[in-house]
PDB file of N, CA and C in Angstrom:
ATOM      1  N   MET A   1     298.789 234.263 146.311  1.00  0.00           N
ATOM      2  CA  MET A   1     297.606 233.879 145.819  1.00  0.00           C
ATOM      3  C   MET A   1     297.338 232.548 146.562  1.00  0.00           C
ATOM      4  N   ASP A   2     296.352 232.101 146.800  1.00  0.00           N
ATOM      5  CA  ASP A   2     296.003 230.602 147.275  1.00  0.00           C
ATOM      6  C   ASP A   2     295.198 230.028 146.268  1.00  0.00           C
ATOM      7  N   ILE A   3     295.261 228.719 146.988  1.00  0.00           N
ATOM      8  CA  ILE A   3     294.724 227.617 145.922  1.00  0.00           C
ATOM      9  C   ILE A   3     293.282 228.113 145.528  1.00  0.00           C
ATOM     10  N   ASN A   4     292.303 228.318 146.362  1.00  0.00           N
ATOM     11  CA  ASN A   4     290.883 228.635 146.274  1.00  0.00           C
ATOM     12  C   ASN A   4     290.766 229.795 145.549  1.00  0.00           C
ATOM     13  N   THR A   5     291.388 231.068 145.612  1.00  0.00           N
ATOM     14  CA  THR A   5     291.411 232.053 144.907  1.00  0.00           C
ATOM     15  C   THR A   5     291.954 231.683 143.282  1.00  0.00           C
ATOM     16  N   LEU A   6     292.923 230.747 143.065  1.00  0.00           N
ATOM     17  CA  LEU A   6     293.045 230.564 141.800  1.00  0.00           C
ATOM     18  C   LEU A   6     292.021 229.427 140.876  1.00  0.00           C
ATOM     19  N   LEU A   7     291.338 228.654 141.952  1.00  0.00           N
ATOM     20  CA  LEU A   7     290.414 227.720 141.577  1.00  0.00           C
ATOM     21  C   LEU A   7     289.333 228.677 141.051  1.00  0.00           C
ATOM     22  N   VAL A   8     288.964 229.680 142.086  1.00  0.00           N
ATOM     23  CA  VAL A   8     287.767 230.451 141.648  1.00  0.00           C
ATOM     24  C   VAL A   8     287.992 231.358 140.321  1.00  0.00           C
ATOM     25  N   ILE A   9     289.464 231.703 140.165  1.00  0.00           N
ATOM     26  CA  ILE A   9     289.597 232.333 138.694  1.00  0.00           C
ATOM     27  C   ILE A   9     289.617 231.560 137.463  1.00  0.00           C
ATOM     28  N   ILE A  10     289.878 230.440 137.657  1.00  0.00           N
ATOM     29  CA  ILE A  10     289.748 229.454 136.792  1.00  0.00           C
ATOM     30  C   ILE A  10     288.582 229.049 136.254  1.00  0.00           C
ATOM     31  N   ALA A  11     287.566 228.808 137.782  1.00  0.00           N
ATOM     32  CA  ALA A  11     285.685 228.509 137.220  1.00  0.00           C
ATOM     33  C   ALA A  11     285.393 229.915 136.739  1.00  0.00           C
ATOM     34  N   ALA A  12     285.618 231.215 136.606  1.00  0.00           N
ATOM     35  CA  ALA A  12     284.745 232.182 136.093  1.00  0.00           C
ATOM     36  C   ALA A  12     285.410 232.264 134.642  1.00  0.00           C
ATOM     37  N   VAL A  13     286.944 232.015 134.553  1.00  0.00           N
ATOM     38  CA  VAL A  13     287.105 232.055 132.826  1.00  0.00           C
ATOM     39  C   VAL A  13     286.454 230.874 132.328  1.00  0.00           C
ATOM     40  N   ALA A  14     286.301 229.511 132.785  1.00  0.00           N
ATOM     41  CA  ALA A  14     285.607 228.597 132.149  1.00  0.00           C
ATOM     42  C   ALA A  14     284.191 229.225 132.123  1.00  0.00           C
ATOM     43  N   ALA A  15     283.499 229.737 132.832  1.00  0.00           N
ATOM     44  CA  ALA A  15     282.369 229.938 132.718  1.00  0.00           C
ATOM     45  C   ALA A  15     282.111 231.310 131.656  1.00  0.00           C
ATOM     46  N   VAL A  16     282.865 232.135 131.522  1.00  0.00           N
ATOM     47  CA  VAL A  16     282.880 233.088 130.563  1.00  0.00           C
ATOM     48  C   VAL A  16     282.827 232.622 128.922  1.00  0.00           C
ATOM     49  N   SER A  17     284.070 231.353 129.194  1.00  0.00           N
ATOM     50  CA  SER A  17     284.074 230.623 128.019  1.00  0.00           C
ATOM     51  C   SER A  17     282.847 230.057 127.301  1.00  0.00           C
ATOM     52  N   GLU A  18     282.046 229.382 128.376  1.00  0.00           N
ATOM     53  CA  GLU A  18     280.720 228.646 127.944  1.00  0.00           C
ATOM     54  C   GLU A  18     279.728 229.726 127.628  1.00  0.00           C
ATOM     55  N   ALA A  19     279.741 231.221 128.187  1.00  0.00           N
ATOM     56  CA  ALA A  19     278.645 232.020 128.069  1.00  0.00           C
ATOM     57  C   ALA A  19     279.051 232.369 126.485  1.00  0.00           C
ATOM     58  N   LEU A  20     280.113 232.601 126.075  1.00  0.00           N
ATOM     59  CA  LEU A  20     280.478 232.865 124.743  1.00  0.00           C
ATOM     60  C   LEU A  20     280.481 232.106 123.751  1.00  0.00           C
ATOM     61  N   ALA A  21     280.409 230.379 123.876  1.00  0.00           N
ATOM     62  CA  ALA A  21     279.901 229.400 123.258  1.00  0.00           C
ATOM     63  C   ALA A  21     278.728 229.793 122.806  1.00  0.00           C
ATOM     64  N   LEU A  22     277.869 230.172 123.479  1.00  0.00           N
ATOM     65  CA  LEU A  22     275.968 230.208 123.199  1.00  0.00           C
ATOM     66  C   LEU A  22     275.753 231.458 122.206  1.00  0.00           C
ATOM     67  N   ILE A  23     276.766 232.560 122.337  1.00  0.00           N
ATOM     68  CA  ILE A  23     276.666 233.342 121.681  1.00  0.00           C
ATOM     69  C   ILE A  23     276.932 233.542 119.884  1.00  0.00           C
ATOM     70  N   PRO A  24     275.924 233.354 118.860  1.00  0.00           N
ATOM     71  CA  PRO A  24     276.590 233.031 117.655  1.00  0.00           C
ATOM     72  C   PRO A  24     277.037 233.745 117.032  1.00  0.00           C
ATOM     73  N   GLY A  25     277.024 235.338 117.226  1.00  0.00           N
ATOM     74  CA  GLY A  25     277.376 236.497 116.639  1.00  0.00           C
ATOM     75  C   GLY A  25     278.816 236.603 116.783  1.00  0.00           C
ATOM     76  N   ILE A  26     279.800 235.806 117.791  1.00  0.00           N
ATOM     77  CA  ILE A  26     280.935 236.214 118.062  1.00  0.00           C
ATOM     78  C   ILE A  26     281.802 235.048 117.181  1.00  0.00           C
ATOM     79  N   LYS A  27     282.847 235.798 116.596  1.00  0.00           N
ATOM     80  CA  LYS A  27     283.526 234.313 115.835  1.00  0.00           C
ATOM     81  C   LYS A  27     284.384 233.574 116.772  1.00  0.00           C
ATOM     82  N   SER A  28     285.069 234.094 117.897  1.00  0.00           N
ATOM     83  CA  SER A  28     285.541 233.162 118.604  1.00  0.00           C
ATOM     84  C   SER A  28     284.681 232.906 119.744  1.00  0.00           C
ATOM     85  N   ASN A  29     284.353 231.416 119.655  1.00  0.00           N
ATOM     86  CA  ASN A  29     283.531 230.843 120.802  1.00  0.00           C
ATOM     87  C   ASN A  29     284.004 230.540 122.355  1.00  0.00           C
ATOM     88  N   SER A  30     285.210 231.032 122.410  1.00  0.00           N
ATOM     89  CA  SER A  30     285.577 230.573 123.815  1.00  0.00           C
ATOM     90  C   SER A  30     286.682 231.516 123.890  1.00  0.00           C
ATOM     91  N   VAL A  31     286.887 231.788 125.403  1.00  0.00           N
ATOM     92  CA  VAL A  31     287.857 232.975 126.118  1.00  0.00           C
ATOM     93  C   VAL A  31     289.446 232.092 125.236  1.00  0.00           C
ATOM     94  N   PHE A  32     289.341 230.886 125.258  1.00  0.00           N
ATOM     95  CA  PHE A  32     290.785 230.413 125.004  1.00  0.00           C
ATOM     96  C   PHE A  32     291.174 230.853 123.294  1.00  0.00           C
ATOM     97  N   GLN A  33     289.995 230.890 122.528  1.00  0.00           N
ATOM     98  CA  GLN A  33     290.295 230.958 121.078  1.00  0.00           C
ATOM     99  C   GLN A  33     290.750 232.578 121.181  1.00  0.00           C
ATOM    100  N   VAL A  34     289.695 233.505 121.684  1.00  0.00           N
ATOM    101  CA  VAL A  34     290.082 234.636 121.746  1.00  0.00           C
ATOM    102  C   VAL A  34     291.517 235.447 122.206  1.00  0.00           C
ATOM    103  N   ILE A  35     291.943 234.267 123.434  1.00  0.00           N
ATOM    104  CA  ILE A  35     293.582 234.845 123.689  1.00  0.00           C
ATOM    105  C   ILE A  35     294.709 234.352 122.832  1.00  0.00           C
ATOM    106  N   TYR A  36     294.013 232.784 122.307  1.00  0.00           N
ATOM    107  CA  TYR A  36     295.137 232.733 121.245  1.00  0.00           C
ATOM    108  C   TYR A  36     295.001 233.756 119.750  1.00  0.00           C
ATOM    109  N   ASN A  37     294.039 233.743 119.437  1.00  0.00           N
ATOM    110  CA  ASN A  37     294.003 234.953 118.294  1.00  0.00           C
ATOM    111  C   ASN A  37     294.579 236.143 118.721  1.00  0.00           C
ATOM    112  N   LEU A  38     294.535 236.590 119.723  1.00  0.00           N
ATOM    113  CA  LEU A  38     294.982 238.048 120.262  1.00  0.00           C
ATOM    114  C   LEU A  38     296.609 237.762 120.178  1.00  0.00           C
ATOM    115  N   LEU A  39     297.182 236.545 120.726  1.00  0.00           N
ATOM    116  CA  LEU A  39     298.547 236.216 120.882  1.00  0.00           C
ATOM    117  C   LEU A  39     299.101 236.137 119.191  1.00  0.00           C
ATOM    118  N   LYS A  40     298.320 235.446 118.409  1.00  0.00           N
ATOM    119  CA  LYS A  40     298.532 235.262 117.129  1.00  0.00           C
ATOM    120  C   LYS A  40     298.827 237.074 116.110  1.00  0.00           C
ATOM    121  N   SER A  41     298.051 237.710 116.606  1.00  0.00           N
ATOM    122  CA  SER A  41     297.684 239.014 115.821  1.00  0.00           C
ATOM    123  C   SER A  41     298.889 239.860 116.429  1.00  0.00           C
ATOM    124  N   ILE A  42     299.330 239.894 118.052  1.00  0.00           N
ATOM    125  CA  ILE A  42     300.290 240.551 118.066  1.00  0.00           C
ATOM    126  C   ILE A  42     301.528 239.955 117.483  1.00  0.00           C
ATOM    127  N   GLY A  43     301.839 238.736 117.398  1.00  0.00           N
ATOM    128  CA  GLY A  43     303.056 238.206 116.686  1.00  0.00           C
ATOM    129  C   GLY A  43     303.229 238.602 115.153  1.00  0.00           C
ATOM    130  N   ASN A  44     302.263 238.454 114.674  1.00  0.00           N
ATOM    131  CA  ASN A  44     302.137 238.931 113.289  1.00  0.00           C
ATOM    132  C   ASN A  44     302.280 240.364 113.073  1.00  0.00           C
ATOM    133  N   ALA A  45     302.000 241.415 113.963  1.00  0.00           N
ATOM    134  CA  ALA A  45     302.403 242.603 113.760  1.00  0.00           C
ATOM    135  C   ALA A  45     304.033 242.795 114.056  1.00  0.00           C
ATOM    136  N   ILE A  46     304.326 242.068 114.956  1.00  0.00           N
ATOM    137  CA  ILE A  46     305.664 242.214 115.527  1.00  0.00           C
ATOM    138  C   ILE A  46     306.597 241.905 114.270  1.00  0.00           C
ATOM    139  N   LYS A  47     306.024 240.611 113.569  1.00  0.00           N
ATOM    140  CA  LYS A  47     306.765 240.287 112.438  1.00  0.00           C
ATOM    141  C   LYS A  47     306.842 241.334 111.194  1.00  0.00           C
ATOM    142  N   LYS A  48     305.684 242.098 111.368  1.00  0.00           N
ATOM    143  CA  LYS A  48     305.310 242.848 109.832  1.00  0.00           C
ATOM    144  C   LYS A  48     306.503 244.216 110.522  1.00  0.00           C
ATOM    145  N   LYS A  49     306.592 244.643 111.654  1.00  0.00           N
ATOM    146  CA  LYS A  49     306.836 245.877 112.135  1.00  0.00           C
ATOM    147  C   LYS A  49     308.794 245.530 112.142  1.00  0.00           C
ATOM    148  N   GLU A  50     309.402 244.372 111.856  1.00  0.00           N
ATOM    149  CA  GLU A  50     310.602 244.055 111.952  1.00  0.00           C
ATOM    150  C   GLU A  50     311.113 244.211 110.114  1.00  0.00           C
ATOM    151  N   VAL A  51     310.094 243.812 109.620  1.00  0.00           N
ATOM    152  CA  VAL A  51     310.554 243.988 108.021  1.00  0.00           C
ATOM    153  C   VAL A  51     310.541 245.095 107.774  1.00  0.00           C
TER     154      VAL A  51
END
């Protein structure tokens, strides 16, 4: 993967993030918050499974 491809992917993620921020019905208003909440829920599911 070259640097141009990486920059295009980052720009696309940022654009999707800004588009999500404009939609008031979505609880998470950015891609980064969606990823964070997904990882947090996976972590909680793993903790519950261990107990």
